[in-house]
Amino acid sequence: MGAGQSPIVSDFVPAHNLLHLYNYSENHRIKAPDAVFTLMVDKKPLKVALEMELTQKQKKRYVNLLEKYYTRIPVDLVFYVVGPEGLKKTILDIGKEKLLELSQRKVTSQNKLYVTTLSSFKKLGLDSVFEGTTGKSFTLRELEKRTLKGQSLPQS
């Protein structure tokens, strides 16, 4: 069962339909999240950007993109599904560094970054663990259960 089959996931829109809504510039090219969807948590709709990273890019790219997600791109959460196992730690570390830097610059931002691996997502589907920058984690299956019971997403 994929995330699209979860009762808490709706309004899934792929990248090619997002360029006019959620775009940012990178290397003079217009980019958008790989997808955006609504995640219903505790009766509250959260806008989620989905980023698929099958290969590791330069650190600077992630630093710039995460700053945009934390400060300008209008989403509540960012889910990364990464190919290389080591990339999960890299993105989480960059996310922590970026939040600290923004705090030092007096830019108010909260964590919205959660990461899992593609191998885990393929194998476990809704039971794949998404980890946040503070080490707190959840699965979409847990969110389904919590949402049905009126509980909310753990803060990371």
N, C-alpha and C. Protein backbone atom coordinates (compact mmCIF):
# COMPACT_ATOMS: atom_id res chain seq x y z
N MET A 1 0.85 -1.18 0.00
CA MET A 1 0.00 0.00 0.00
C MET A 1 0.89 1.24 0.00
N GLY A 2 0.75 2.10 -0.96
CA GLY A 2 1.52 3.33 -1.05
C GLY A 2 0.86 4.45 -0.28
N ALA A 3 1.58 5.53 -0.14
CA ALA A 3 1.07 6.69 0.61
C ALA A 3 -0.20 7.24 -0.02
N GLY A 4 -0.31 7.14 -1.35
CA GLY A 4 -1.49 7.65 -2.04
C GLY A 4 -2.75 6.89 -1.69
N GLN A 5 -2.59 5.71 -1.08
CA GLN A 5 -3.74 4.91 -0.70
C GLN A 5 -4.12 5.11 0.76
N SER A 6 -3.47 6.02 1.41
CA SER A 6 -3.78 6.29 2.80
C SER A 6 -4.95 7.25 2.88
N PRO A 7 -5.86 7.03 3.82
CA PRO A 7 -7.01 7.95 3.96
C PRO A 7 -6.62 9.34 4.43
N ILE A 8 -5.39 9.52 4.92
CA ILE A 8 -4.98 10.86 5.38
C ILE A 8 -4.22 11.62 4.30
N VAL A 9 -4.02 11.01 3.13
CA VAL A 9 -3.33 11.66 2.02
C VAL A 9 -4.34 11.97 0.92
N SER A 10 -4.32 13.22 0.44
CA SER A 10 -5.23 13.60 -0.65
C SER A 10 -4.60 14.69 -1.49
N ASP A 11 -5.26 15.02 -2.57
CA ASP A 11 -4.86 16.14 -3.44
C ASP A 11 -3.40 16.05 -3.90
N PHE A 12 -2.96 14.86 -4.29
CA PHE A 12 -1.60 14.63 -4.75
C PHE A 12 -1.41 15.27 -6.12
N VAL A 13 -0.44 16.19 -6.21
CA VAL A 13 -0.18 16.91 -7.46
C VAL A 13 1.30 16.74 -7.82
N PRO A 14 1.61 16.16 -9.00
CA PRO A 14 3.01 15.97 -9.40
C PRO A 14 3.66 17.27 -9.86
N ALA A 15 4.99 17.23 -9.96
CA ALA A 15 5.80 18.42 -10.25
C ALA A 15 5.36 19.18 -11.49
N HIS A 16 5.05 18.48 -12.57
CA HIS A 16 4.74 19.19 -13.81
C HIS A 16 3.48 20.06 -13.70
N ASN A 17 2.67 19.82 -12.68
CA ASN A 17 1.49 20.67 -12.46
C ASN A 17 1.72 21.72 -11.37
N LEU A 18 2.95 21.82 -10.88
CA LEU A 18 3.23 22.71 -9.75
C LEU A 18 4.05 23.94 -10.09
N LEU A 19 4.61 23.99 -11.27
CA LEU A 19 5.55 25.06 -11.58
C LEU A 19 4.97 26.45 -11.36
N HIS A 20 3.69 26.62 -11.57
CA HIS A 20 3.08 27.94 -11.40
C HIS A 20 2.74 28.25 -9.94
N LEU A 21 2.73 27.24 -9.06
CA LEU A 21 2.36 27.44 -7.66
C LEU A 21 3.53 27.43 -6.69
N TYR A 22 4.40 26.45 -6.84
CA TYR A 22 5.49 26.22 -5.89
C TYR A 22 6.80 26.21 -6.63
N ASN A 23 7.24 27.35 -7.11
CA ASN A 23 8.48 27.32 -7.86
C ASN A 23 9.58 28.13 -7.17
N TYR A 24 10.77 27.71 -7.45
CA TYR A 24 11.96 28.40 -6.96
C TYR A 24 13.01 28.29 -8.05
N SER A 25 13.96 29.21 -8.02
CA SER A 25 14.99 29.23 -9.04
C SER A 25 16.23 28.50 -8.54
N GLU A 26 16.80 27.69 -9.42
CA GLU A 26 18.04 27.01 -9.11
C GLU A 26 18.86 26.95 -10.39
N ASN A 27 20.05 27.52 -10.34
CA ASN A 27 20.90 27.55 -11.53
C ASN A 27 20.17 28.13 -12.74
N HIS A 28 19.42 29.17 -12.51
CA HIS A 28 18.67 29.87 -13.56
C HIS A 28 17.60 29.00 -14.21
N ARG A 29 17.19 27.94 -13.52
CA ARG A 29 16.09 27.10 -14.00
C ARG A 29 14.99 27.12 -12.95
N ILE A 30 13.76 27.07 -13.42
CA ILE A 30 12.62 27.02 -12.50
C ILE A 30 12.44 25.58 -12.05
N LYS A 31 12.35 25.39 -10.73
CA LYS A 31 12.16 24.07 -10.14
C LYS A 31 10.90 24.09 -9.29
N ALA A 32 10.39 22.91 -9.00
CA ALA A 32 9.24 22.75 -8.11
C ALA A 32 9.46 21.46 -7.33
N PRO A 33 8.75 21.28 -6.21
CA PRO A 33 8.85 20.00 -5.52
C PRO A 33 8.45 18.87 -6.48
N ASP A 34 8.89 17.66 -6.18
CA ASP A 34 8.51 16.52 -7.02
C ASP A 34 7.01 16.26 -6.94
N ALA A 35 6.42 16.62 -5.84
CA ALA A 35 4.96 16.53 -5.69
C ALA A 35 4.56 17.33 -4.45
N VAL A 36 3.31 17.68 -4.39
CA VAL A 36 2.72 18.31 -3.22
C VAL A 36 1.41 17.58 -2.95
N PHE A 37 1.13 17.34 -1.67
CA PHE A 37 -0.14 16.70 -1.32
C PHE A 37 -0.62 17.22 0.02
N THR A 38 -1.85 16.92 0.34
CA THR A 38 -2.44 17.30 1.62
C THR A 38 -2.39 16.09 2.54
N LEU A 39 -1.91 16.31 3.75
CA LEU A 39 -1.87 15.29 4.78
C LEU A 39 -2.79 15.73 5.90
N MET A 40 -3.83 14.96 6.16
CA MET A 40 -4.79 15.31 7.20
C MET A 40 -4.30 14.74 8.52
N VAL A 41 -3.97 15.64 9.46
CA VAL A 41 -3.49 15.23 10.77
C VAL A 41 -4.31 15.95 11.82
N ASP A 42 -4.96 15.19 12.67
CA ASP A 42 -5.77 15.76 13.74
C ASP A 42 -6.80 16.75 13.19
N LYS A 43 -7.44 16.34 12.11
CA LYS A 43 -8.47 17.14 11.44
C LYS A 43 -7.94 18.44 10.87
N LYS A 44 -6.61 18.53 10.73
CA LYS A 44 -5.99 19.73 10.18
C LYS A 44 -5.27 19.36 8.88
N PRO A 45 -5.62 20.02 7.78
CA PRO A 45 -4.92 19.73 6.52
C PRO A 45 -3.54 20.40 6.49
N LEU A 46 -2.51 19.60 6.26
CA LEU A 46 -1.14 20.11 6.16
C LEU A 46 -0.67 19.95 4.72
N LYS A 47 -0.09 20.97 4.16
CA LYS A 47 0.46 20.92 2.81
C LYS A 47 1.87 20.36 2.90
N VAL A 48 2.11 19.27 2.16
CA VAL A 48 3.39 18.57 2.22
C VAL A 48 4.07 18.61 0.86
N ALA A 49 5.33 19.02 0.85
CA ALA A 49 6.16 18.93 -0.37
C ALA A 49 6.91 17.61 -0.29
N LEU A 50 6.92 16.88 -1.39
CA LEU A 50 7.65 15.62 -1.48
C LEU A 50 8.84 15.81 -2.40
N GLU A 51 10.01 15.46 -1.89
CA GLU A 51 11.24 15.52 -2.68
C GLU A 51 11.83 14.12 -2.77
N MET A 52 12.06 13.65 -3.98
CA MET A 52 12.71 12.36 -4.22
C MET A 52 14.14 12.65 -4.63
N GLU A 53 15.10 12.12 -3.90
CA GLU A 53 16.52 12.31 -4.22
C GLU A 53 17.13 10.93 -4.43
N LEU A 54 17.29 10.54 -5.68
CA LEU A 54 17.84 9.22 -5.98
C LEU A 54 19.36 9.21 -5.99
N THR A 55 19.96 10.38 -6.21
CA THR A 55 21.42 10.52 -6.16
C THR A 55 21.76 11.75 -5.33
N GLN A 56 22.92 11.70 -4.69
CA GLN A 56 23.33 12.82 -3.85
C GLN A 56 23.85 13.95 -4.72
N LYS A 57 23.41 15.16 -4.40
CA LYS A 57 23.85 16.38 -5.09
C LYS A 57 24.84 17.12 -4.18
N GLN A 58 25.31 18.26 -4.65
CA GLN A 58 26.22 19.07 -3.84
C GLN A 58 25.49 19.62 -2.61
N LYS A 59 26.23 19.72 -1.51
CA LYS A 59 25.67 20.20 -0.25
C LYS A 59 25.00 21.56 -0.42
N LYS A 60 25.62 22.45 -1.19
CA LYS A 60 25.09 23.80 -1.39
C LYS A 60 23.65 23.77 -1.91
N ARG A 61 23.35 22.83 -2.77
CA ARG A 61 22.00 22.71 -3.32
C ARG A 61 20.98 22.46 -2.20
N TYR A 62 21.31 21.55 -1.28
CA TYR A 62 20.39 21.24 -0.18
C TYR A 62 20.30 22.41 0.80
N VAL A 63 21.41 23.07 1.05
CA VAL A 63 21.41 24.23 1.94
C VAL A 63 20.46 25.30 1.39
N ASN A 64 20.60 25.62 0.12
CA ASN A 64 19.74 26.65 -0.50
C ASN A 64 18.29 26.22 -0.53
N LEU A 65 18.04 24.98 -0.89
CA LEU A 65 16.65 24.52 -0.99
C LEU A 65 15.98 24.47 0.38
N LEU A 66 16.69 23.99 1.39
CA LEU A 66 16.08 23.93 2.72
C LEU A 66 15.79 25.32 3.27
N GLU A 67 16.67 26.29 2.99
CA GLU A 67 16.36 27.66 3.42
C GLU A 67 15.07 28.14 2.76
N LYS A 68 14.90 27.82 1.49
CA LYS A 68 13.67 28.24 0.81
C LYS A 68 12.45 27.55 1.41
N TYR A 69 12.57 26.27 1.74
CA TYR A 69 11.44 25.59 2.38
C TYR A 69 11.15 26.17 3.75
N TYR A 70 12.18 26.47 4.52
CA TYR A 70 11.98 27.01 5.86
C TYR A 70 11.44 28.44 5.84
N THR A 71 11.71 29.20 4.78
CA THR A 71 11.38 30.62 4.82
C THR A 71 10.41 31.10 3.74
N ARG A 72 10.34 30.45 2.57
CA ARG A 72 9.56 31.04 1.48
C ARG A 72 8.56 30.13 0.79
N ILE A 73 8.86 28.86 0.66
CA ILE A 73 7.95 27.97 -0.08
C ILE A 73 6.79 27.62 0.85
N PRO A 74 5.55 27.90 0.44
CA PRO A 74 4.40 27.78 1.34
C PRO A 74 3.91 26.33 1.54
N VAL A 75 4.68 25.59 2.34
CA VAL A 75 4.27 24.24 2.73
C VAL A 75 4.45 24.10 4.24
N ASP A 76 3.71 23.16 4.82
CA ASP A 76 3.80 22.91 6.26
C ASP A 76 4.90 21.91 6.59
N LEU A 77 5.10 20.94 5.70
CA LEU A 77 6.08 19.88 5.90
C LEU A 77 6.82 19.59 4.61
N VAL A 78 8.03 19.04 4.74
CA VAL A 78 8.81 18.59 3.59
C VAL A 78 9.24 17.16 3.87
N PHE A 79 8.81 16.24 3.01
CA PHE A 79 9.21 14.84 3.12
C PHE A 79 10.24 14.56 2.04
N TYR A 80 11.41 14.09 2.44
CA TYR A 80 12.42 13.62 1.50
C TYR A 80 12.42 12.10 1.52
N VAL A 81 12.41 11.51 0.34
CA VAL A 81 12.63 10.08 0.17
C VAL A 81 13.93 9.97 -0.62
N VAL A 82 14.96 9.39 0.02
CA VAL A 82 16.30 9.40 -0.56
C VAL A 82 16.76 8.01 -0.96
N GLY A 83 17.56 7.95 -2.02
CA GLY A 83 18.12 6.69 -2.50
C GLY A 83 19.26 6.22 -1.62
N PRO A 84 20.39 6.93 -1.63
CA PRO A 84 21.53 6.48 -0.83
C PRO A 84 21.24 6.58 0.67
N GLU A 85 21.59 5.54 1.42
CA GLU A 85 21.35 5.53 2.86
C GLU A 85 22.00 6.73 3.55
N GLY A 86 23.24 7.06 3.17
CA GLY A 86 23.96 8.16 3.81
C GLY A 86 23.36 9.52 3.55
N LEU A 87 22.58 9.65 2.50
CA LEU A 87 21.97 10.93 2.16
C LEU A 87 20.93 11.34 3.20
N LYS A 88 20.28 10.39 3.83
CA LYS A 88 19.31 10.70 4.88
C LYS A 88 19.98 11.51 5.99
N LYS A 89 21.11 11.03 6.49
CA LYS A 89 21.83 11.74 7.55
C LYS A 89 22.32 13.10 7.05
N THR A 90 22.82 13.14 5.83
CA THR A 90 23.32 14.39 5.26
C THR A 90 22.23 15.46 5.24
N ILE A 91 21.05 15.10 4.74
CA ILE A 91 19.95 16.07 4.65
C ILE A 91 19.47 16.48 6.04
N LEU A 92 19.37 15.54 6.96
CA LEU A 92 18.97 15.90 8.32
C LEU A 92 20.00 16.82 8.97
N ASP A 93 21.28 16.54 8.79
CA ASP A 93 22.32 17.41 9.34
C ASP A 93 22.25 18.81 8.75
N ILE A 94 22.06 18.89 7.44
CA ILE A 94 21.93 20.21 6.80
C ILE A 94 20.70 20.93 7.32
N GLY A 95 19.61 20.21 7.51
CA GLY A 95 18.40 20.80 8.06
C GLY A 95 18.63 21.38 9.45
N LYS A 96 19.35 20.65 10.31
CA LYS A 96 19.67 21.15 11.65
C LYS A 96 20.53 22.41 11.57
N GLU A 97 21.57 22.34 10.73
CA GLU A 97 22.46 23.50 10.56
C GLU A 97 21.69 24.72 10.07
N LYS A 98 20.80 24.51 9.13
CA LYS A 98 20.04 25.62 8.55
C LYS A 98 19.11 26.23 9.59
N LEU A 99 18.44 25.41 10.40
CA LEU A 99 17.57 25.95 11.44
C LEU A 99 18.36 26.76 12.46
N LEU A 100 19.54 26.27 12.83
CA LEU A 100 20.39 27.01 13.76
C LEU A 100 20.82 28.34 13.16
N GLU A 101 21.25 28.31 11.91
CA GLU A 101 21.66 29.55 11.23
C GLU A 101 20.52 30.54 11.15
N LEU A 102 19.33 30.09 10.79
CA LEU A 102 18.18 30.99 10.70
C LEU A 102 17.87 31.58 12.07
N SER A 103 17.98 30.78 13.11
CA SER A 103 17.74 31.26 14.47
C SER A 103 18.74 32.36 14.82
N GLN A 104 20.00 32.15 14.47
CA GLN A 104 21.04 33.15 14.76
C GLN A 104 20.80 34.43 13.97
N ARG A 105 20.18 34.32 12.81
CA ARG A 105 19.85 35.50 12.00
C ARG A 105 18.51 36.10 12.42
N LYS A 106 17.92 35.55 13.48
CA LYS A 106 16.62 36.01 14.00
C LYS A 106 15.48 35.79 13.01
N VAL A 107 15.60 34.75 12.20
CA VAL A 107 14.54 34.37 11.27
C VAL A 107 13.76 33.25 11.93
N THR A 108 12.49 33.50 12.20
CA THR A 108 11.67 32.50 12.87
C THR A 108 11.28 31.41 11.88
N SER A 109 11.58 30.19 12.26
CA SER A 109 11.22 29.05 11.44
C SER A 109 11.17 27.82 12.33
N GLN A 110 10.29 26.90 11.98
CA GLN A 110 10.21 25.65 12.73
C GLN A 110 10.59 24.52 11.80
N ASN A 111 10.97 23.41 12.41
CA ASN A 111 11.33 22.28 11.57
C ASN A 111 10.10 21.79 10.81
N LYS A 112 10.31 21.46 9.58
CA LYS A 112 9.27 20.87 8.77
C LYS A 112 9.84 19.74 7.94
N LEU A 113 11.07 19.33 8.23
CA LEU A 113 11.80 18.37 7.43
C LEU A 113 11.77 16.97 8.04
N TYR A 114 11.39 15.99 7.23
CA TYR A 114 11.39 14.59 7.62
C TYR A 114 11.93 13.77 6.46
N VAL A 115 12.74 12.75 6.78
CA VAL A 115 13.44 12.00 5.74
C VAL A 115 13.29 10.50 5.98
N THR A 116 13.11 9.75 4.89
CA THR A 116 13.16 8.29 4.91
C THR A 116 13.95 7.84 3.69
N THR A 117 14.27 6.56 3.63
CA THR A 117 15.00 6.05 2.48
C THR A 117 14.05 5.37 1.50
N LEU A 118 14.43 5.37 0.25
CA LEU A 118 13.62 4.73 -0.78
C LEU A 118 13.51 3.23 -0.52
N SER A 119 14.61 2.60 -0.09
CA SER A 119 14.54 1.16 0.17
C SER A 119 13.55 0.85 1.28
N SER A 120 13.52 1.67 2.32
CA SER A 120 12.56 1.49 3.40
C SER A 120 11.14 1.71 2.90
N PHE A 121 10.95 2.76 2.11
CA PHE A 121 9.60 3.07 1.63
C PHE A 121 9.08 1.97 0.70
N LYS A 122 9.96 1.44 -0.15
CA LYS A 122 9.54 0.35 -1.03
C LYS A 122 9.18 -0.90 -0.23
N LYS A 123 9.97 -1.19 0.77
CA LYS A 123 9.77 -2.41 1.57
C LYS A 123 8.61 -2.28 2.54
N LEU A 124 8.50 -1.13 3.20
CA LEU A 124 7.55 -0.98 4.30
C LEU A 124 6.33 -0.13 3.98
N GLY A 125 6.37 0.64 2.90
CA GLY A 125 5.22 1.49 2.55
C GLY A 125 4.86 2.44 3.67
N LEU A 126 3.62 2.38 4.13
CA LEU A 126 3.13 3.28 5.17
C LEU A 126 3.83 3.09 6.51
N ASP A 127 4.55 1.98 6.67
CA ASP A 127 5.28 1.72 7.91
C ASP A 127 6.73 2.19 7.85
N SER A 128 7.11 2.83 6.77
CA SER A 128 8.45 3.40 6.65
C SER A 128 8.59 4.56 7.63
N VAL A 129 9.72 4.63 8.30
CA VAL A 129 9.95 5.64 9.33
C VAL A 129 10.50 6.92 8.70
N PHE A 130 9.81 8.04 8.94
CA PHE A 130 10.28 9.38 8.57
C PHE A 130 10.90 9.99 9.82
N GLU A 131 12.16 10.43 9.71
CA GLU A 131 12.87 10.99 10.84
C GLU A 131 13.04 12.49 10.66
N GLY A 132 12.84 13.24 11.77
CA GLY A 132 13.01 14.69 11.75
C GLY A 132 14.39 15.08 12.25
N THR A 133 14.68 16.36 12.24
CA THR A 133 16.02 16.84 12.58
C THR A 133 16.41 16.61 14.03
N THR A 134 15.45 16.43 14.93
CA THR A 134 15.79 16.18 16.34
C THR A 134 15.79 14.70 16.66
N GLY A 135 15.58 13.86 15.65
CA GLY A 135 15.56 12.42 15.88
C GLY A 135 14.17 11.87 16.13
N LYS A 136 13.20 12.75 16.32
CA LYS A 136 11.83 12.26 16.46
C LYS A 136 11.37 11.71 15.12
N SER A 137 10.53 10.70 15.19
CA SER A 137 10.13 10.04 13.95
C SER A 137 8.67 9.60 14.00
N PHE A 138 8.15 9.23 12.84
CA PHE A 138 6.79 8.73 12.73
C PHE A 138 6.68 7.91 11.46
N THR A 139 5.61 7.15 11.36
CA THR A 139 5.25 6.48 10.12
C THR A 139 3.89 7.02 9.68
N LEU A 140 3.61 6.91 8.43
CA LEU A 140 2.28 7.35 7.96
C LEU A 140 1.20 6.48 8.58
N ARG A 141 1.49 5.22 8.83
CA ARG A 141 0.50 4.34 9.48
C ARG A 141 0.19 4.85 10.88
N GLU A 142 1.23 5.27 11.64
CA GLU A 142 1.01 5.83 12.98
C GLU A 142 0.17 7.10 12.89
N LEU A 143 0.47 7.94 11.89
CA LEU A 143 -0.32 9.17 11.73
C LEU A 143 -1.77 8.86 11.44
N GLU A 144 -2.01 7.84 10.62
CA GLU A 144 -3.40 7.43 10.36
C GLU A 144 -4.10 7.09 11.67
N LYS A 145 -3.47 6.26 12.48
CA LYS A 145 -4.07 5.84 13.75
C LYS A 145 -4.28 7.03 14.68
N ARG A 146 -3.25 7.90 14.80
CA ARG A 146 -3.36 9.06 15.67
C ARG A 146 -4.44 10.02 15.19
N THR A 147 -4.51 10.20 13.89
CA THR A 147 -5.49 11.11 13.34
C THR A 147 -6.90 10.60 13.59
N LEU A 148 -7.08 9.30 13.41
CA LEU A 148 -8.39 8.73 13.66
C LEU A 148 -8.77 8.82 15.13
N LYS A 149 -7.76 8.88 16.00
CA LYS A 149 -8.02 9.02 17.45
C LYS A 149 -7.94 10.48 17.89
N GLY A 150 -7.65 11.41 16.96
CA GLY A 150 -7.62 12.84 17.30
C GLY A 150 -6.28 13.32 17.80
N GLN A 151 -5.21 12.51 17.66
CA GLN A 151 -3.88 12.94 18.08
C GLN A 151 -3.20 13.64 16.92
N SER A 152 -2.10 14.32 17.19
CA SER A 152 -1.44 15.10 16.15
C SER A 152 -0.02 14.65 15.88
N LEU A 153 0.58 15.22 14.83
CA LEU A 153 1.92 14.91 14.38
C LEU A 153 2.94 15.29 15.45
N PRO A 154 3.90 14.39 15.71
CA PRO A 154 4.93 14.75 16.71
C PRO A 154 5.77 15.91 16.24
N GLN A 155 6.11 16.81 17.14
CA GLN A 155 6.97 17.95 16.81
C GLN A 155 8.40 17.46 16.82
N SER A 156 9.18 17.89 15.82
CA SER A 156 10.58 17.47 15.82
C SER A 156 11.50 18.62 16.12
